[in-house]
Amino acid sequence: MPETPENRLKRLRMRSWRRGIKEMDLILGTYADAELSIMDGETLEKFESLLEENDQDLYPWFTGQVQCPAKHQQILAKIRDAEKFR
């Protein structure tokens, strides 16, 4: 049985808030709460792909300590821009 759009958003929100590093919970969870319901399909795919990464990789990408892979640069920039205004 295919996943409903509502269940997908719930799953992504849960994955955003239940990371491994509290800082990533706050960054991704806050972003998910604010943006998930208004994301288009392409952005949802990119966000879901980002959530598959390990926090040990994600955090250095967000802090700029390590260059993030090209496939995640667009969604990472959106999240960073959203964080500036919170």
Protein backbone atom coordinates (compact mmCIF):
# COMPACT_ATOMS: atom_id res chain seq x y z
CA MET A 1 0.00 0.00 0.00
CA PRO A 2 1.54 3.31 -1.04
CA GLU A 3 2.28 5.98 1.53
CA THR A 4 -0.26 8.81 1.69
CA PRO A 5 0.99 12.40 1.34
CA GLU A 6 -0.10 13.08 4.95
CA ASN A 7 1.86 10.09 6.25
CA ARG A 8 4.92 11.11 4.26
CA LEU A 9 4.90 14.58 5.84
CA LYS A 10 4.46 13.07 9.30
CA ARG A 11 7.35 10.66 8.68
CA LEU A 12 9.62 13.43 7.42
CA ARG A 13 8.72 15.67 10.35
CA MET A 14 9.52 12.84 12.79
CA ARG A 15 12.83 12.12 11.05
CA SER A 16 13.67 15.82 11.23
CA TRP A 17 13.13 15.98 14.99
CA ARG A 18 14.59 12.56 15.88
CA ARG A 19 18.16 12.84 14.70
CA GLY A 20 21.22 11.96 16.75
CA ILE A 21 22.62 15.38 17.50
CA LYS A 22 20.41 17.91 19.29
CA GLU A 23 21.66 20.75 17.09
CA MET A 24 20.46 18.90 14.00
CA ASP A 25 17.09 18.22 15.69
CA LEU A 26 16.67 21.95 16.18
CA ILE A 27 17.82 22.94 12.69
CA LEU A 28 15.96 20.30 10.71
CA GLY A 29 12.94 19.98 12.99
CA THR A 30 12.28 23.70 13.07
CA TYR A 31 12.67 23.90 9.31
CA ALA A 32 10.33 20.94 8.79
CA ASP A 33 7.67 22.47 11.05
CA ALA A 34 7.77 25.72 9.10
CA GLU A 35 8.23 24.46 5.54
CA LEU A 36 7.10 20.85 5.00
CA SER A 37 3.47 21.66 4.33
CA ILE A 38 4.36 24.18 1.61
CA MET A 39 7.19 22.30 -0.14
CA ASP A 40 6.72 21.26 -3.73
CA GLY A 41 7.48 17.69 -4.78
CA GLU A 42 11.05 18.38 -5.91
CA THR A 43 11.96 20.14 -2.67
CA LEU A 44 10.40 17.31 -0.64
CA GLU A 45 12.57 14.82 -2.53
CA LYS A 46 15.70 16.86 -1.82
CA PHE A 47 14.80 17.29 1.85
CA GLU A 48 14.10 13.56 2.22
CA SER A 49 17.43 12.75 0.59
CA LEU A 50 19.20 15.11 3.00
CA LEU A 51 17.52 13.39 5.96
CA GLU A 52 19.11 10.11 4.89
CA GLU A 53 22.57 11.50 5.68
CA ASN A 54 24.30 10.96 9.02
CA ASP A 55 24.32 13.82 11.50
CA GLN A 56 28.11 13.51 11.74
CA ASP A 57 28.20 14.58 8.08
CA LEU A 58 25.30 17.04 8.18
CA TYR A 59 26.49 19.21 11.04
CA PRO A 60 29.85 20.13 9.44
CA TRP A 61 28.02 20.96 6.21
CA PHE A 62 25.65 23.31 8.04
CA THR A 63 28.44 24.98 9.96
CA GLY A 64 30.58 25.38 6.85
CA GLN A 65 33.43 23.29 8.23
CA VAL A 66 33.16 20.89 5.29
CA GLN A 67 31.89 21.42 1.75
CA CYS A 68 28.58 19.67 1.26
CA PRO A 69 28.02 17.41 -1.76
CA ALA A 70 26.53 19.13 -4.80
CA LYS A 71 23.32 17.11 -4.59
CA HIS A 72 22.48 18.72 -1.22
CA GLN A 73 23.70 22.29 -1.80
CA GLN A 74 20.34 23.70 -2.91
CA ILE A 75 18.28 22.36 0.01
CA LEU A 76 21.06 23.20 2.47
CA ALA A 77 21.02 26.81 1.23
CA LYS A 78 17.24 26.98 1.67
CA ILE A 79 17.49 25.70 5.23
CA ARG A 80 20.32 28.11 6.06
CA ASP A 81 18.35 31.05 4.62
CA ALA A 82 15.28 30.06 6.63
CA GLU A 83 17.38 29.82 9.81
CA LYS A 84 18.60 33.41 9.40
CA PHE A 85 15.11 34.73 10.01
CA ARG A 86 14.26 32.71 13.11
